[in-house]
């Protein structure tokens, strides 16, 4: 009798857990394909001068975010010129993200 109750409990628990996984997978947000930013260049890369320059065909202000390799945001700023001051970054590899269209590039700081 006790074994039947334990078995029934495990069956119900497994069914509920499986249903939650299916629901979670169905509610995943869809990944939209991002259009590349036309003419985007980030230079110099690798950088050792404490400044990078970001240029694209769009001359409007740019939202810049820099992340470390663990995904922690290190720097966020809006720039209206091409120049971004990164002198406070320690040497390493970073991910730089630019703009509403969201282009990402690897940045190496020496």
Protein backbone atom coordinates (compact mmCIF):
# COMPACT_ATOMS: atom_id res chain seq x y z
CA UNK A 1 0.00 0.00 0.00
CA UNK A 2 2.77 2.43 0.91
CA UNK A 3 4.70 1.49 -2.23
CA UNK A 4 1.63 2.29 -4.36
CA UNK A 5 1.32 5.73 -2.74
CA UNK A 6 5.03 6.45 -3.29
CA UNK A 7 4.80 5.28 -6.88
CA UNK A 8 1.69 7.39 -7.51
CA UNK A 9 3.38 10.41 -5.92
CA UNK A 10 6.46 9.98 -8.14
CA UNK A 11 4.30 9.63 -11.27
CA UNK A 12 2.37 12.80 -10.43
CA UNK A 13 5.56 14.70 -9.57
CA UNK A 14 7.26 13.60 -12.80
CA UNK A 15 4.21 14.57 -14.87
CA UNK A 16 4.03 18.03 -13.30
CA UNK A 17 7.76 18.59 -13.78
CA UNK A 18 7.57 17.51 -17.43
CA UNK A 19 4.62 19.80 -18.03
CA UNK A 20 6.54 22.76 -16.58
CA UNK A 21 9.46 22.10 -18.95
CA UNK A 22 7.14 22.02 -21.96
CA UNK A 23 5.45 25.27 -20.88
CA UNK A 24 8.83 26.96 -20.32
CA UNK A 25 10.02 25.93 -23.77
CA UNK A 26 6.84 27.18 -25.44
CA UNK A 27 7.15 30.59 -23.78
CA UNK A 28 10.74 31.18 -24.91
CA UNK A 29 11.17 34.54 -26.60
CA UNK A 30 11.99 34.28 -30.25
CA UNK A 31 15.38 35.55 -31.32
CA UNK A 32 15.06 38.16 -33.99
CA UNK A 33 17.75 38.43 -36.59
CA UNK A 34 19.56 41.71 -36.17
CA UNK A 35 20.53 43.82 -39.13
CA UNK A 36 24.21 44.74 -39.15
CA UNK A 37 25.14 48.38 -38.65
CA UNK A 38 26.23 49.68 -42.02
CA UNK A 39 29.88 50.72 -42.18
CA UNK A 40 30.62 50.02 -38.50
CA UNK A 41 34.33 50.09 -37.68
CA UNK A 42 36.02 50.08 -34.29
CA UNK A 43 39.69 50.99 -34.28
CA UNK A 44 42.43 50.54 -33.18
CA UNK A 45 41.89 46.98 -32.08
CA UNK A 46 43.89 45.84 -30.14
CA UNK A 47 44.13 49.16 -28.32
CA UNK A 48 46.86 50.41 -26.00
CA UNK A 49 46.31 54.17 -26.13
CA UNK A 50 43.25 54.41 -23.83
CA UNK A 51 40.99 55.59 -26.67
CA UNK A 52 39.02 53.82 -29.33
CA UNK A 53 37.20 55.28 -32.28
CA UNK A 54 33.82 54.06 -33.47
CA UNK A 55 32.64 55.04 -36.91
CA UNK A 56 29.58 54.10 -38.93
CA UNK A 57 27.59 55.62 -41.75
CA UNK A 58 25.11 56.83 -39.12
CA UNK A 59 26.56 60.04 -37.66
CA UNK A 60 24.05 60.32 -34.80
CA UNK A 61 24.92 59.82 -31.14
CA UNK A 62 25.82 56.23 -30.32
CA UNK A 63 25.00 54.20 -27.22
CA UNK A 64 28.14 52.25 -26.29
CA UNK A 65 28.32 49.41 -23.79
CA UNK A 66 31.44 47.42 -22.94
CA UNK A 67 31.21 44.04 -21.18
CA UNK A 68 33.89 41.79 -19.72
CA UNK A 69 34.08 38.15 -20.81
CA UNK A 70 31.77 37.16 -17.95
CA UNK A 71 29.02 39.44 -19.26
CA UNK A 72 29.33 42.16 -16.60
CA UNK A 73 28.80 45.66 -17.98
CA UNK A 74 31.99 47.63 -17.40
CA UNK A 75 31.20 50.86 -19.27
CA UNK A 76 28.07 52.48 -20.64
CA UNK A 77 27.93 55.87 -22.30
CA UNK A 78 26.40 57.81 -25.15
CA UNK A 79 28.91 59.46 -27.44
CA UNK A 80 28.29 62.06 -30.11
CA UNK A 81 31.83 61.91 -31.47
CA UNK A 82 33.82 58.93 -32.71
CA UNK A 83 36.12 58.87 -29.66
CA UNK A 84 35.47 56.69 -26.59
CA UNK A 85 37.75 56.94 -23.55
CA UNK A 86 38.61 53.46 -22.22
CA UNK A 87 41.67 54.41 -20.17
CA UNK A 88 40.11 52.94 -17.00
CA UNK A 89 39.89 49.42 -18.53
CA UNK A 90 42.48 46.90 -17.44
CA UNK A 91 44.23 44.84 -20.13
CA UNK A 92 42.04 41.99 -21.34
CA UNK A 93 39.35 40.95 -23.79
CA UNK A 94 36.01 42.77 -23.84
CA UNK A 95 32.82 42.76 -25.85
CA UNK A 96 31.70 46.12 -27.19
CA UNK A 97 28.07 46.68 -28.12
CA UNK A 98 26.88 49.66 -30.15
CA UNK A 99 23.55 51.17 -30.88
CA UNK A 100 19.89 50.37 -31.31
CA UNK A 101 20.62 47.94 -34.12
CA UNK A 102 23.01 46.23 -31.67
CA UNK A 103 26.29 45.27 -33.24
CA UNK A 104 28.82 43.49 -31.06
CA UNK A 105 32.56 43.19 -31.58
CA UNK A 106 35.48 41.79 -29.60
CA UNK A 107 37.79 44.48 -28.15
CA UNK A 108 41.31 43.69 -26.96
CA UNK A 109 42.94 46.13 -24.52
CA UNK A 110 46.71 45.83 -24.10
